[in-house]
PDB file of N, CA and C in Angstrom:
ATOM      1  N   MET A   1      70.019  83.969  68.700  1.00  0.00           N
ATOM      2  CA  MET A   1      69.106  84.754  69.497  1.00  0.00           C
ATOM      3  C   MET A   1      69.917  85.820  70.225  1.00  0.00           C
ATOM      4  N   ASN A   2      69.474  87.057  70.101  1.00  0.00           N
ATOM      5  CA  ASN A   2      70.235  88.125  70.752  1.00  0.00           C
ATOM      6  C   ASN A   2      69.814  88.266  72.223  1.00  0.00           C
ATOM      7  N   ASP A   3      70.499  89.141  72.934  1.00  0.00           N
ATOM      8  CA  ASP A   3      70.272  89.296  74.374  1.00  0.00           C
ATOM      9  C   ASP A   3      68.861  89.795  74.691  1.00  0.00           C
ATOM     10  N   LYS A   4      68.312  90.689  73.874  1.00  0.00           N
ATOM     11  CA  LYS A   4      66.961  91.204  74.127  1.00  0.00           C
ATOM     12  C   LYS A   4      65.924  90.089  74.040  1.00  0.00           C
ATOM     13  N   ASN A   5      66.048  89.239  73.035  1.00  0.00           N
ATOM     14  CA  ASN A   5      65.093  88.144  72.873  1.00  0.00           C
ATOM     15  C   ASN A   5      65.224  87.120  73.998  1.00  0.00           C
ATOM     16  N   GLN A   6      66.434  86.880  74.448  1.00  0.00           N
ATOM     17  CA  GLN A   6      66.633  85.944  75.557  1.00  0.00           C
ATOM     18  C   GLN A   6      65.988  86.481  76.833  1.00  0.00           C
ATOM     19  N   ILE A   7      66.126  87.776  77.074  1.00  0.00           N
ATOM     20  CA  ILE A   7      65.523  88.387  78.265  1.00  0.00           C
ATOM     21  C   ILE A   7      63.994  88.315  78.169  1.00  0.00           C
ATOM     22  N   ARG A   8      63.448  88.582  76.994  1.00  0.00           N
ATOM     23  CA  ARG A   8      62.002  88.502  76.808  1.00  0.00           C
ATOM     24  C   ARG A   8      61.498  87.082  77.037  1.00  0.00           C
ATOM     25  N   LEU A   9      62.238  86.108  76.556  1.00  0.00           N
ATOM     26  CA  LEU A   9      61.854  84.711  76.743  1.00  0.00           C
ATOM     27  C   LEU A   9      61.883  84.338  78.221  1.00  0.00           C
ATOM     28  N   ILE A  10      62.904  84.754  78.935  1.00  0.00           N
ATOM     29  CA  ILE A  10      63.010  84.464  80.361  1.00  0.00           C
ATOM     30  C   ILE A  10      61.860  85.122  81.124  1.00  0.00           C
ATOM     31  N   ILE A  11      61.518  86.349  80.771  1.00  0.00           N
ATOM     32  CA  ILE A  11      60.399  87.045  81.428  1.00  0.00           C
ATOM     33  C   ILE A  11      59.082  86.333  81.128  1.00  0.00           C
ATOM     34  N   ALA A  12      58.885  85.920  79.895  1.00  0.00           N
ATOM     35  CA  ALA A  12      57.650  85.219  79.525  1.00  0.00           C
ATOM     36  C   ALA A  12      57.517  83.906  80.301  1.00  0.00           C
ATOM     37  N   ILE A  13      58.595  83.163  80.432  1.00  0.00           N
ATOM     38  CA  ILE A  13      58.569  81.906  81.182  1.00  0.00           C
ATOM     39  C   ILE A  13      58.277  82.173  82.653  1.00  0.00           C
ATOM     40  N   ALA A  14      58.882  83.215  83.206  1.00  0.00           N
ATOM     41  CA  ALA A  14      58.651  83.557  84.611  1.00  0.00           C
ATOM     42  C   ALA A  14      57.191  83.957  84.842  1.00  0.00           C
ATOM     43  N   VAL A  15      56.632  84.745  83.927  1.00  0.00           N
ATOM     44  CA  VAL A  15      55.228  85.159  84.066  1.00  0.00           C
ATOM     45  C   VAL A  15      54.319  83.935  83.992  1.00  0.00           C
ATOM     46  N   PHE A  16      54.588  83.029  83.074  1.00  0.00           N
ATOM     47  CA  PHE A  16      53.788  81.807  82.978  1.00  0.00           C
ATOM     48  C   PHE A  16      53.887  80.995  84.257  1.00  0.00           C
ATOM     49  N   ALA A  17      55.075  80.879  84.807  1.00  0.00           N
ATOM     50  CA  ALA A  17      55.264  80.102  86.027  1.00  0.00           C
ATOM     51  C   ALA A  17      54.505  80.713  87.202  1.00  0.00           C
ATOM     52  N   VAL A  18      54.483  82.032  87.272  1.00  0.00           N
ATOM     53  CA  VAL A  18      53.818  82.709  88.390  1.00  0.00           C
ATOM     54  C   VAL A  18      52.294  82.675  88.229  1.00  0.00           C
ATOM     55  N   ILE A  19      51.790  82.839  87.009  1.00  0.00           N
ATOM     56  CA  ILE A  19      50.350  82.928  86.784  1.00  0.00           C
ATOM     57  C   ILE A  19      49.755  81.605  86.312  1.00  0.00           C
ATOM     58  N   GLY A  20      50.374  80.971  85.362  1.00  0.00           N
ATOM     59  CA  GLY A  20      49.790  79.802  84.712  1.00  0.00           C
ATOM     60  C   GLY A  20      49.754  78.551  85.548  1.00  0.00           C
ATOM     61  N   ILE A  21      50.818  78.238  86.238  1.00  0.00           N
ATOM     62  CA  ILE A  21      50.873  76.987  86.998  1.00  0.00           C
ATOM     63  C   ILE A  21      49.875  76.984  88.147  1.00  0.00           C
ATOM     64  N   PRO A  22      49.788  78.033  88.985  1.00  0.00           N
ATOM     65  CA  PRO A  22      48.762  78.004  90.040  1.00  0.00           C
ATOM     66  C   PRO A  22      47.341  77.924  89.488  1.00  0.00           C
ATOM     67  N   TRP A  23      47.062  78.615  88.368  1.00  0.00           N
ATOM     68  CA  TRP A  23      45.734  78.539  87.762  1.00  0.00           C
ATOM     69  C   TRP A  23      45.438  77.111  87.317  1.00  0.00           C
ATOM     70  N   TYR A  24      46.398  76.459  86.669  1.00  0.00           N
ATOM     71  CA  TYR A  24      46.215  75.083  86.204  1.00  0.00           C
ATOM     72  C   TYR A  24      45.945  74.150  87.376  1.00  0.00           C
ATOM     73  N   LEU A  25      46.720  74.293  88.440  1.00  0.00           N
ATOM     74  CA  LEU A  25      46.529  73.429  89.601  1.00  0.00           C
ATOM     75  C   LEU A  25      45.170  73.645  90.238  1.00  0.00           C
ATOM     76  N   GLN A  26      44.726  74.899  90.335  1.00  0.00           N
ATOM     77  CA  GLN A  26      43.419  75.191  90.918  1.00  0.00           C
ATOM     78  C   GLN A  26      42.297  74.655  90.037  1.00  0.00           C
ATOM     79  N   ALA A  27      42.452  74.794  88.736  1.00  0.00           N
ATOM     80  CA  ALA A  27      41.387  74.398  87.819  1.00  0.00           C
ATOM     81  C   ALA A  27      41.258  72.891  87.653  1.00  0.00           C
ATOM     82  N   PHE A  28      42.361  72.162  87.734  1.00  0.00           N
ATOM     83  CA  PHE A  28      42.320  70.743  87.401  1.00  0.00           C
ATOM     84  C   PHE A  28      42.798  69.804  88.506  1.00  0.00           C
ATOM     85  N   HIS A  29      43.444  70.307  89.538  1.00  0.00           N
ATOM     86  CA  HIS A  29      43.990  69.429  90.578  1.00  0.00           C
ATOM     87  C   HIS A  29      43.634  69.904  91.977  1.00  0.00           C
ATOM     88  N   SER A  30      42.449  70.472  92.127  1.00  0.00           N
ATOM     89  CA  SER A  30      42.001  70.929  93.438  1.00  0.00           C
ATOM     90  C   SER A  30      40.877  70.007  93.914  1.00  0.00           C
ATOM     91  N   PRO A  31      40.564  70.013  95.203  1.00  0.00           N
ATOM     92  CA  PRO A  31      39.429  69.204  95.666  1.00  0.00           C
ATOM     93  C   PRO A  31      38.131  69.535  94.935  1.00  0.00           C
ATOM     94  N   SER A  32      37.907  70.809  94.624  1.00  0.00           N
ATOM     95  CA  SER A  32      36.703  71.209  93.898  1.00  0.00           C
ATOM     96  C   SER A  32      36.674  70.576  92.504  1.00  0.00           C
ATOM     97  N   ALA A  33      37.795  70.600  91.811  1.00  0.00           N
ATOM     98  CA  ALA A  33      37.863  70.000  90.474  1.00  0.00           C
ATOM     99  C   ALA A  33      37.680  68.492  90.540  1.00  0.00           C
ATOM    100  N   PHE A  34      38.257  67.841  91.557  1.00  0.00           N
ATOM    101  CA  PHE A  34      38.074  66.390  91.713  1.00  0.00           C
ATOM    102  C   PHE A  34      36.609  66.058  91.950  1.00  0.00           C
ATOM    103  N   ALA A  35      35.909  66.883  92.746  1.00  0.00           N
ATOM    104  CA  ALA A  35      34.481  66.651  93.009  1.00  0.00           C
ATOM    105  C   ALA A  35      33.671  66.784  91.721  1.00  0.00           C
ATOM    106  N   ARG A  36      33.965  67.820  90.930  1.00  0.00           N
ATOM    107  CA  ARG A  36      33.267  67.990  89.642  1.00  0.00           C
ATOM    108  C   ARG A  36      33.515  66.792  88.728  1.00  0.00           C
ATOM    109  N   GLN A  37      34.772  66.345  88.663  1.00  0.00           N
ATOM    110  CA  GLN A  37      35.102  65.197  87.818  1.00  0.00           C
ATOM    111  C   GLN A  37      34.362  63.942  88.269  1.00  0.00           C
ATOM    112  N   ALA A  38      34.198  63.779  89.581  1.00  0.00           N
ATOM    113  CA  ALA A  38      33.464  62.622  90.100  1.00  0.00           C
ATOM    114  C   ALA A  38      31.986  62.693  89.714  1.00  0.00           C
ATOM    115  N   VAL A  39      31.403  63.891  89.756  1.00  0.00           N
ATOM    116  CA  VAL A  39      30.010  64.058  89.327  1.00  0.00           C
ATOM    117  C   VAL A  39      29.897  63.706  87.845  1.00  0.00           C
ATOM    118  N   LEU A  40      30.810  64.225  87.035  1.00  0.00           N
ATOM    119  CA  LEU A  40      30.780  63.950  85.588  1.00  0.00           C
ATOM    120  C   LEU A  40      30.909  62.461  85.300  1.00  0.00           C
ATOM    121  N   ALA A  41      31.714  61.755  86.083  1.00  0.00           N
ATOM    122  CA  ALA A  41      31.917  60.323  85.865  1.00  0.00           C
ATOM    123  C   ALA A  41      30.636  59.521  86.110  1.00  0.00           C
ATOM    124  N   ASN A  42      29.688  60.087  86.837  1.00  0.00           N
ATOM    125  CA  ASN A  42      28.438  59.397  87.141  1.00  0.00           C
ATOM    126  C   ASN A  42      27.306  59.740  86.177  1.00  0.00           C
ATOM    127  N   LEU A  43      27.566  60.554  85.175  1.00  0.00           N
ATOM    128  CA  LEU A  43      26.521  60.977  84.237  1.00  0.00           C
ATOM    129  C   LEU A  43      26.564  60.156  82.955  1.00  0.00           C
ATOM    130  N   THR A  44      25.418  60.023  82.309  1.00  0.00           N
ATOM    131  CA  THR A  44      25.335  59.305  81.038  1.00  0.00           C
ATOM    132  C   THR A  44      26.067  60.051  79.933  1.00  0.00           C
ATOM    133  N   ASP A  45      25.892  61.370  79.881  1.00  0.00           N
ATOM    134  CA  ASP A  45      26.536  62.202  78.865  1.00  0.00           C
ATOM    135  C   ASP A  45      27.261  63.364  79.560  1.00  0.00           C
ATOM    136  N   PRO A  46      28.482  63.123  80.046  1.00  0.00           N
ATOM    137  CA  PRO A  46      29.177  64.161  80.806  1.00  0.00           C
ATOM    138  C   PRO A  46      29.506  65.412  79.999  1.00  0.00           C
ATOM    139  N   ASP A  47      29.605  65.304  78.680  1.00  0.00           N
ATOM    140  CA  ASP A  47      29.925  66.472  77.860  1.00  0.00           C
ATOM    141  C   ASP A  47      28.794  67.500  77.854  1.00  0.00           C
ATOM    142  N   SER A  48      27.579  67.074  78.163  1.00  0.00           N
ATOM    143  CA  SER A  48      26.448  67.997  78.139  1.00  0.00           C
ATOM    144  C   SER A  48      26.168  68.621  79.505  1.00  0.00           C
ATOM    145  N   ALA A  49      26.954  68.311  80.512  1.00  0.00           N
ATOM    146  CA  ALA A  49      26.678  68.749  81.882  1.00  0.00           C
ATOM    147  C   ALA A  49      26.773  70.264  82.041  1.00  0.00           C
ATOM    148  N   VAL A  50      25.811  70.802  82.775  1.00  0.00           N
ATOM    149  CA  VAL A  50      25.789  72.214  83.139  1.00  0.00           C
ATOM    150  C   VAL A  50      25.660  72.260  84.662  1.00  0.00           C
ATOM    151  N   PHE A  51      26.652  72.862  85.317  1.00  0.00           N
ATOM    152  CA  PHE A  51      26.644  72.949  86.777  1.00  0.00           C
ATOM    153  C   PHE A  51      26.006  74.260  87.217  1.00  0.00           C
ATOM    154  N   GLU A  52      25.341  74.207  88.360  1.00  0.00           N
ATOM    155  CA  GLU A  52      24.771  75.409  88.955  1.00  0.00           C
ATOM    156  C   GLU A  52      25.028  75.344  90.462  1.00  0.00           C
ATOM    157  N   GLY A  53      25.626  76.380  90.982  1.00  0.00           N
ATOM    158  CA  GLY A  53      25.809  76.476  92.429  1.00  0.00           C
ATOM    159  C   GLY A  53      26.809  75.516  93.023  1.00  0.00           C
ATOM    160  N   HIS A  54      27.805  75.091  92.262  1.00  0.00           N
ATOM    161  CA  HIS A  54      28.837  74.191  92.805  1.00  0.00           C
ATOM    162  C   HIS A  54      29.574  74.936  93.913  1.00  0.00           C
ATOM    163  N   ARG A  55      29.528  74.392  95.126  1.00  0.00           N
ATOM    164  CA  ARG A  55      30.123  75.090  96.256  1.00  0.00           C
ATOM    165  C   ARG A  55      30.679  74.117  97.279  1.00  0.00           C
ATOM    166  N   GLN A  56      31.597  74.634  98.060  1.00  0.00           N
ATOM    167  CA  GLN A  56      32.182  73.856  99.142  1.00  0.00           C
ATOM    168  C   GLN A  56      31.233  73.881 100.326  1.00  0.00           C
ATOM    169  N   GLY A  57      31.154  72.757 101.027  1.00  0.00           N
ATOM    170  CA  GLY A  57      30.273  72.660 102.174  1.00  0.00           C
ATOM    171  C   GLY A  57      30.761  73.478 103.358  1.00  0.00           C
ATOM    172  N   ARG A  58      29.876  73.651 104.299  1.00  0.00           N
ATOM    173  CA  ARG A  58      30.213  74.355 105.533  1.00  0.00           C
ATOM    174  C   ARG A  58      30.372  73.325 106.632  1.00  0.00           C
ATOM    175  N   GLY A  59      31.164  73.666 107.611  1.00  0.00           N
ATOM    176  CA  GLY A  59      31.310  72.761 108.740  1.00  0.00           C
ATOM    177  C   GLY A  59      32.710  72.211 108.846  1.00  0.00           C
ATOM    178  N   SER A  60      32.814  71.103 109.544  1.00  0.00           N
ATOM    179  CA  SER A  60      34.130  70.569 109.882  1.00  0.00           C
ATOM    180  C   SER A  60      34.790  69.799 108.741  1.00  0.00           C
ATOM    181  N   ASP A  61      34.029  69.331 107.761  1.00  0.00           N
ATOM    182  CA  ASP A  61      34.604  68.560 106.661  1.00  0.00           C
ATOM    183  C   ASP A  61      34.851  69.479 105.468  1.00  0.00           C
ATOM    184  N   PRO A  62      36.117  69.827 105.186  1.00  0.00           N
ATOM    185  CA  PRO A  62      36.389  70.775 104.096  1.00  0.00           C
ATOM    186  C   PRO A  62      36.274  70.163 102.702  1.00  0.00           C
ATOM    187  N   PHE A  63      36.075  68.856 102.607  1.00  0.00           N
ATOM    188  CA  PHE A  63      36.066  68.203 101.303  1.00  0.00           C
ATOM    189  C   PHE A  63      34.670  67.759 100.879  1.00  0.00           C
ATOM    190  N   VAL A  64      33.648  68.529 101.263  1.00  0.00           N
ATOM    191  CA  VAL A  64      32.275  68.273 100.852  1.00  0.00           C
ATOM    192  C   VAL A  64      31.908  69.331  99.816  1.00  0.00           C
ATOM    193  N   TYR A  65      31.360  68.895  98.696  1.00  0.00           N
ATOM    194  CA  TYR A  65      30.913  69.814  97.641  1.00  0.00           C
ATOM    195  C   TYR A  65      29.504  69.430  97.232  1.00  0.00           C
ATOM    196  N   CYS A  66      28.724  70.438  96.876  1.00  0.00           N
ATOM    197  CA  CYS A  66      27.353  70.169  96.462  1.00  0.00           C
ATOM    198  C   CYS A  66      26.928  71.215  95.444  1.00  0.00           C
ATOM    199  N   GLY A  67      25.789  70.972  94.849  1.00  0.00           N
ATOM    200  CA  GLY A  67      25.229  71.877  93.863  1.00  0.00           C
ATOM    201  C   GLY A  67      24.185  71.155  93.042  1.00  0.00           C
ATOM    202  N   LYS A  68      23.910  71.699  91.873  1.00  0.00           N
ATOM    203  CA  LYS A  68      22.957  71.095  90.944  1.00  0.00           C
ATOM    204  C   LYS A  68      23.664  70.843  89.623  1.00  0.00           C
ATOM    205  N   VAL A  69      23.237  69.802  88.940  1.00  0.00           N
ATOM    206  CA  VAL A  69      23.781  69.499  87.623  1.00  0.00           C
ATOM    207  C   VAL A  69      22.634  69.103  86.699  1.00  0.00           C
ATOM    208  N   ASN A  70      22.729  69.514  85.458  1.00  0.00           N
ATOM    209  CA  ASN A  70      21.758  69.164  84.427  1.00  0.00           C
ATOM    210  C   ASN A  70      22.548  68.557  83.275  1.00  0.00           C
ATOM    211  N   ALA A  71      22.114  67.404  82.792  1.00  0.00           N
ATOM    212  CA  ALA A  71      22.816  66.737  81.695  1.00  0.00           C
ATOM    213  C   ALA A  71      21.821  65.937  80.869  1.00  0.00           C
ATOM    214  N   ARG A  72      22.257  65.532  79.698  1.00  0.00           N
ATOM    215  CA  ARG A  72      21.400  64.728  78.832  1.00  0.00           C
ATOM    216  C   ARG A  72      21.236  63.323  79.421  1.00  0.00           C
ATOM    217  N   ASN A  73      20.015  62.798  79.284  1.00  0.00           N
ATOM    218  CA  ASN A  73      19.748  61.434  79.730  1.00  0.00           C
ATOM    219  C   ASN A  73      19.919  60.471  78.554  1.00  0.00           C
ATOM    220  N   ARG A  74      19.562  59.220  78.752  1.00  0.00           N
ATOM    221  CA  ARG A  74      19.736  58.209  77.697  1.00  0.00           C
ATOM    222  C   ARG A  74      18.885  58.487  76.463  1.00  0.00           C
ATOM    223  N   MET A  75      17.785  59.218  76.652  1.00  0.00           N
ATOM    224  CA  MET A  75      16.906  59.533  75.526  1.00  0.00           C
ATOM    225  C   MET A  75      17.388  60.748  74.743  1.00  0.00           C
ATOM    226  N   GLY A  76      18.402  61.451  75.234  1.00  0.00           N
ATOM    227  CA  GLY A  76      18.949  62.601  74.531  1.00  0.00           C
ATOM    228  C   GLY A  76      18.411  63.941  74.993  1.00  0.00           C
ATOM    229  N   GLY A  77      17.439  63.918  75.889  1.00  0.00           N
ATOM    230  CA  GLY A  77      16.887  65.174  76.405  1.00  0.00           C
ATOM    231  C   GLY A  77      17.575  65.565  77.701  1.00  0.00           C
ATOM    232  N   MET A  78      17.531  66.852  77.992  1.00  0.00           N
ATOM    233  CA  MET A  78      18.100  67.323  79.253  1.00  0.00           C
ATOM    234  C   MET A  78      17.205  66.850  80.389  1.00  0.00           C
ATOM    235  N   SER A  79      17.804  66.312  81.434  1.00  0.00           N
ATOM    236  CA  SER A  79      17.025  65.686  82.506  1.00  0.00           C
ATOM    237  C   SER A  79      16.475  66.673  83.521  1.00  0.00           C
ATOM    238  N   GLY A  80      16.978  67.891  83.542  1.00  0.00           N
ATOM    239  CA  GLY A  80      16.579  68.869  84.553  1.00  0.00           C
ATOM    240  C   GLY A  80      17.594  68.858  85.686  1.00  0.00           C
ATOM    241  N   TYR A  81      17.676  69.959  86.399  1.00  0.00           N
ATOM    242  CA  TYR A  81      18.677  70.077  87.455  1.00  0.00           C
ATOM    243  C   TYR A  81      18.396  69.097  88.592  1.00  0.00           C
ATOM    244  N   THR A  82      19.440  68.398  89.004  1.00  0.00           N
ATOM    245  CA  THR A  82      19.376  67.432  90.095  1.00  0.00           C
ATOM    246  C   THR A  82      20.436  67.805  91.115  1.00  0.00           C
ATOM    247  N   TRP A  83      20.080  67.756  92.394  1.00  0.00           N
ATOM    248  CA  TRP A  83      21.046  68.033  93.454  1.00  0.00           C
ATOM    249  C   TRP A  83      22.068  66.911  93.532  1.00  0.00           C
ATOM    250  N   TYR A  84      23.307  67.264  93.835  1.00  0.00           N
ATOM    251  CA  TYR A  84      24.334  66.255  94.100  1.00  0.00           C
ATOM    252  C   TYR A  84      25.095  66.623  95.367  1.00  0.00           C
ATOM    253  N   LEU A  85      25.633  65.606  96.001  1.00  0.00           N
ATOM    254  CA  LEU A  85      26.476  65.757  97.184  1.00  0.00           C
ATOM    255  C   LEU A  85      27.702  64.893  96.958  1.00  0.00           C
ATOM    256  N   ALA A  86      28.857  65.514  96.891  1.00  0.00           N
ATOM    257  CA  ALA A  86      30.123  64.796  96.685  1.00  0.00           C
ATOM    258  C   ALA A  86      30.922  64.867  97.982  1.00  0.00           C
ATOM    259  N   THR A  87      31.206  63.713  98.550  1.00  0.00           N
ATOM    260  CA  THR A  87      31.965  63.644  99.802  1.00  0.00           C
ATOM    261  C   THR A  87      33.146  62.703  99.619  1.00  0.00           C
ATOM    262  N   THR A  88      34.221  62.978 100.348  1.00  0.00           N
ATOM    263  CA  THR A  88      35.359  62.063 100.285  1.00  0.00           C
ATOM    264  C   THR A  88      35.055  60.842 101.132  1.00  0.00           C
ATOM    265  N   ARG A  89      35.687  59.767 100.791  1.00  0.00           N
ATOM    266  CA  ARG A  89      35.514  58.541 101.552  1.00  0.00           C
ATOM    267  C   ARG A  89      36.248  58.684 102.882  1.00  0.00           C
ATOM    268  N   ASN A  90      35.554  58.507 103.969  1.00  0.00           N
ATOM    269  CA  ASN A  90      36.102  58.584 105.331  1.00  0.00           C
ATOM    270  C   ASN A  90      36.655  59.964 105.674  1.00  0.00           C
ATOM    271  N   GLY A  91      36.316  61.004 104.932  1.00  0.00           N
ATOM    272  CA  GLY A  91      36.792  62.346 105.225  1.00  0.00           C
ATOM    273  C   GLY A  91      38.258  62.567 104.926  1.00  0.00           C
ATOM    274  N   ASP A  92      38.882  61.640 104.192  1.00  0.00           N
ATOM    275  CA  ASP A  92      40.304  61.779 103.854  1.00  0.00           C
ATOM    276  C   ASP A  92      40.493  62.862 102.796  1.00  0.00           C
ATOM    277  N   PRO A  93      41.670  63.490 102.759  1.00  0.00           N
ATOM    278  CA  PRO A  93      41.944  64.465 101.696  1.00  0.00           C
ATOM    279  C   PRO A  93      41.882  63.782 100.328  1.00  0.00           C
ATOM    280  N   PRO A  94      41.306  64.451  99.331  1.00  0.00           N
ATOM    281  CA  PRO A  94      41.170  63.838  98.009  1.00  0.00           C
ATOM    282  C   PRO A  94      42.492  63.816  97.254  1.00  0.00           C
ATOM    283  N   TYR A  95      42.679  62.769  96.466  1.00  0.00           N
ATOM    284  CA  TYR A  95      43.856  62.663  95.615  1.00  0.00           C
ATOM    285  C   TYR A  95      43.466  62.449  94.162  1.00  0.00           C
ATOM    286  N   GLY A  96      42.194  62.528  93.875  1.00  0.00           N
ATOM    287  CA  GLY A  96      41.691  62.367  92.514  1.00  0.00           C
ATOM    288  C   GLY A  96      40.190  62.182  92.558  1.00  0.00           C
ATOM    289  N   GLN A  97      39.564  62.073  91.382  1.00  0.00           N
ATOM    290  CA  GLN A  97      38.107  61.954  91.342  1.00  0.00           C
ATOM    291  C   GLN A  97      37.629  60.684  92.014  1.00  0.00           C
ATOM    292  N   SER A  98      38.463  59.638  92.057  1.00  0.00           N
ATOM    293  CA  SER A  98      38.039  58.398  92.696  1.00  0.00           C
ATOM    294  C   SER A  98      37.964  58.536  94.215  1.00  0.00           C
ATOM    295  N   SER A  99      38.454  59.640  94.760  1.00  0.00           N
ATOM    296  CA  SER A  99      38.363  59.884  96.199  1.00  0.00           C
ATOM    297  C   SER A  99      36.946  60.247  96.622  1.00  0.00           C
ATOM    298  N   TYR A 100      36.120  60.663  95.674  1.00  0.00           N
ATOM    299  CA  TYR A 100      34.792  61.155  95.998  1.00  0.00           C
ATOM    300  C   TYR A 100      33.715  60.126  95.712  1.00  0.00           C
ATOM    301  N   GLN A 101      32.743  60.080  96.605  1.00  0.00           N
ATOM    302  CA  GLN A 101      31.512  59.346  96.316  1.00  0.00           C
ATOM    303  C   GLN A 101      30.431  60.396  96.088  1.00  0.00           C
ATOM    304  N   VAL A 102      29.630  60.186  95.074  1.00  0.00           N
ATOM    305  CA  VAL A 102      28.625  61.171  94.668  1.00  0.00           C
ATOM    306  C   VAL A 102      27.246  60.555  94.838  1.00  0.00           C
ATOM    307  N   ARG A 103      26.353  61.334  95.445  1.00  0.00           N
ATOM    308  CA  ARG A 103      24.960  60.919  95.580  1.00  0.00           C
ATOM    309  C   ARG A 103      24.078  62.001  94.980  1.00  0.00           C
ATOM    310  N   PHE A 104      23.065  61.563  94.242  1.00  0.00           N
ATOM    311  CA  PHE A 104      22.134  62.479  93.590  1.00  0.00           C
ATOM    312  C   PHE A 104      20.778  62.374  94.264  1.00  0.00           C
ATOM    313  N   ASP A 105      20.011  63.470  94.237  1.00  0.00           N
ATOM    314  CA  ASP A 105      18.698  63.457  94.860  1.00  0.00           C
ATOM    315  C   ASP A 105      17.826  64.558  94.275  1.00  0.00           C
ATOM    316  N   SER A 106      16.518  64.363  94.415  1.00  0.00           N
ATOM    317  CA  SER A 106      15.574  65.426  94.087  1.00  0.00           C
ATOM    318  C   SER A 106      15.565  66.412  95.252  1.00  0.00           C
ATOM    319  N   SER A 107      14.682  67.362  95.237  1.00  0.00           N
ATOM    320  CA  SER A 107      14.667  68.364  96.308  1.00  0.00           C
ATOM    321  C   SER A 107      13.840  67.929  97.505  1.00  0.00           C
ATOM    322  N   THR A 108      13.562  66.632  97.648  1.00  0.00           N
ATOM    323  CA  THR A 108      12.758  66.179  98.782  1.00  0.00           C
ATOM    324  C   THR A 108      13.366  65.014  99.547  1.00  0.00           C
ATOM    325  N   GLY A 109      14.379  64.343  99.031  1.00  0.00           N
ATOM    326  CA  GLY A 109      14.860  63.110  99.648  1.00  0.00           C
ATOM    327  C   GLY A 109      15.878  63.308 100.752  1.00  0.00           C
ATOM    328  N   SER A 110      16.428  62.194 101.218  1.00  0.00           N
ATOM    329  CA  SER A 110      17.362  62.219 102.344  1.00  0.00           C
ATOM    330  C   SER A 110      18.692  62.869 101.982  1.00  0.00           C
ATOM    331  N   VAL A 111      19.131  62.747 100.733  1.00  0.00           N
ATOM    332  CA  VAL A 111      20.377  63.393 100.324  1.00  0.00           C
ATOM    333  C   VAL A 111      20.199  64.907 100.362  1.00  0.00           C
ATOM    334  N   TYR A 112      19.015  65.377  99.992  1.00  0.00           N
ATOM    335  CA  TYR A 112      18.756  66.819 100.037  1.00  0.00           C
ATOM    336  C   TYR A 112      18.834  67.334 101.468  1.00  0.00           C
ATOM    337  N   ALA A 113      18.380  66.559 102.438  1.00  0.00           N
ATOM    338  CA  ALA A 113      18.486  66.968 103.841  1.00  0.00           C
ATOM    339  C   ALA A 113      19.954  67.108 104.244  1.00  0.00           C
ATOM    340  N   GLN A 114      20.799  66.203 103.770  1.00  0.00           N
ATOM    341  CA  GLN A 114      22.235  66.306 104.040  1.00  0.00           C
ATOM    342  C   GLN A 114      22.839  67.518 103.345  1.00  0.00           C
ATOM    343  N   ILE A 115      22.378  67.803 102.140  1.00  0.00           N
ATOM    344  CA  ILE A 115      22.865  68.983 101.412  1.00  0.00           C
ATOM    345  C   ILE A 115      22.513  70.246 102.186  1.00  0.00           C
ATOM    346  N   ARG A 116      21.289  70.321 102.699  1.00  0.00           N
ATOM    347  CA  ARG A 116      20.879  71.502 103.471  1.00  0.00           C
ATOM    348  C   ARG A 116      21.780  71.713 104.683  1.00  0.00           C
ATOM    349  N   THR A 117      22.120  70.641 105.380  1.00  0.00           N
ATOM    350  CA  THR A 117      22.924  70.804 106.599  1.00  0.00           C
ATOM    351  C   THR A 117      24.409  70.937 106.296  1.00  0.00           C
ATOM    352  N   ARG A 118      24.945  70.101 105.411  1.00  0.00           N
ATOM    353  CA  ARG A 118      26.395  70.080 105.189  1.00  0.00           C
ATOM    354  C   ARG A 118      26.886  71.173 104.253  1.00  0.00           C
ATOM    355  N   CYS A 119      26.019  71.677 103.364  1.00  0.00           N
ATOM    356  CA  CYS A 119      26.468  72.678 102.399  1.00  0.00           C
ATOM    357  C   CYS A 119      25.951  74.079 102.689  1.00  0.00           C
ATOM    358  N   PHE A 120      24.792  74.174 103.307  1.00  0.00           N
ATOM    359  CA  PHE A 120      24.207  75.489 103.531  1.00  0.00           C
ATOM    360  C   PHE A 120      24.074  75.832 105.017  1.00  0.00           C
ATOM    361  N   GLY A 121      24.367  74.876 105.888  1.00  0.00           N
ATOM    362  CA  GLY A 121      24.284  75.127 107.316  1.00  0.00           C
ATOM    363  C   GLY A 121      22.862  75.299 107.820  1.00  0.00           C
ATOM    364  N   LEU A 122      21.879  74.757 107.106  1.00  0.00           N
ATOM    365  CA  LEU A 122      20.471  74.882 107.485  1.00  0.00           C
ATOM    366  C   LEU A 122      20.002  73.609 108.181  1.00  0.00           C
ATOM    367  N   ASP A 123      18.923  73.713 108.888  1.00  0.00           N
ATOM    368  CA  ASP A 123      18.321  72.535 109.509  1.00  0.00           C
ATOM    369  C   ASP A 123      17.634  71.704 108.434  1.00  0.00           C
ATOM    370  N   PRO A 124      17.702  70.379 108.553  1.00  0.00           N
ATOM    371  CA  PRO A 124      16.967  69.552 107.584  1.00  0.00           C
ATOM    372  C   PRO A 124      15.468  69.732 107.779  1.00  0.00           C
ATOM    373  N   GLU A 125      14.750  69.695 106.686  1.00  0.00           N
ATOM    374  CA  GLU A 125      13.289  69.879 106.781  1.00  0.00           C
ATOM    375  C   GLU A 125      12.621  68.596 107.179  1.00  0.00           C
TER     376      GLU A 125
END
C-alpha cells in the first residue's frame, strides 16, 4: 500500500469515527431507542410496527416517551394506532429496553390522561 492510499484510509476511518459512531449511539443506544425497543417487545408482531409521534415527554422526568403505534394483531390485521407511554422504573436513567415499562391505552383511558400531562403538558380531561 502506498502513502496516498494509507492517507486515504486514515481519513476514511477518521470520518467514520466522527460521523458514524455518534449516529450509531443515538440510533441504537439512546433513551429514545430503548423506549422504542420496549414498545416493540410488548407487541405481537414487532416487525410490522409503525410509530407515529414518538416524542420525549415534558417536565421533570427526561426519560418519558410517548406516541402512537400500529402493528399487526394475532389475526394478522393491523390493529389501529394505540397510544403508549414508556417510563423508566423509579425515574432512573435507562440502561436498556428492560429499563422501561410500557403502558398502552385508547384515547379515553387513564394512561391517555397521563400522556396528555407528561408528554404534551396539557391538563387531563
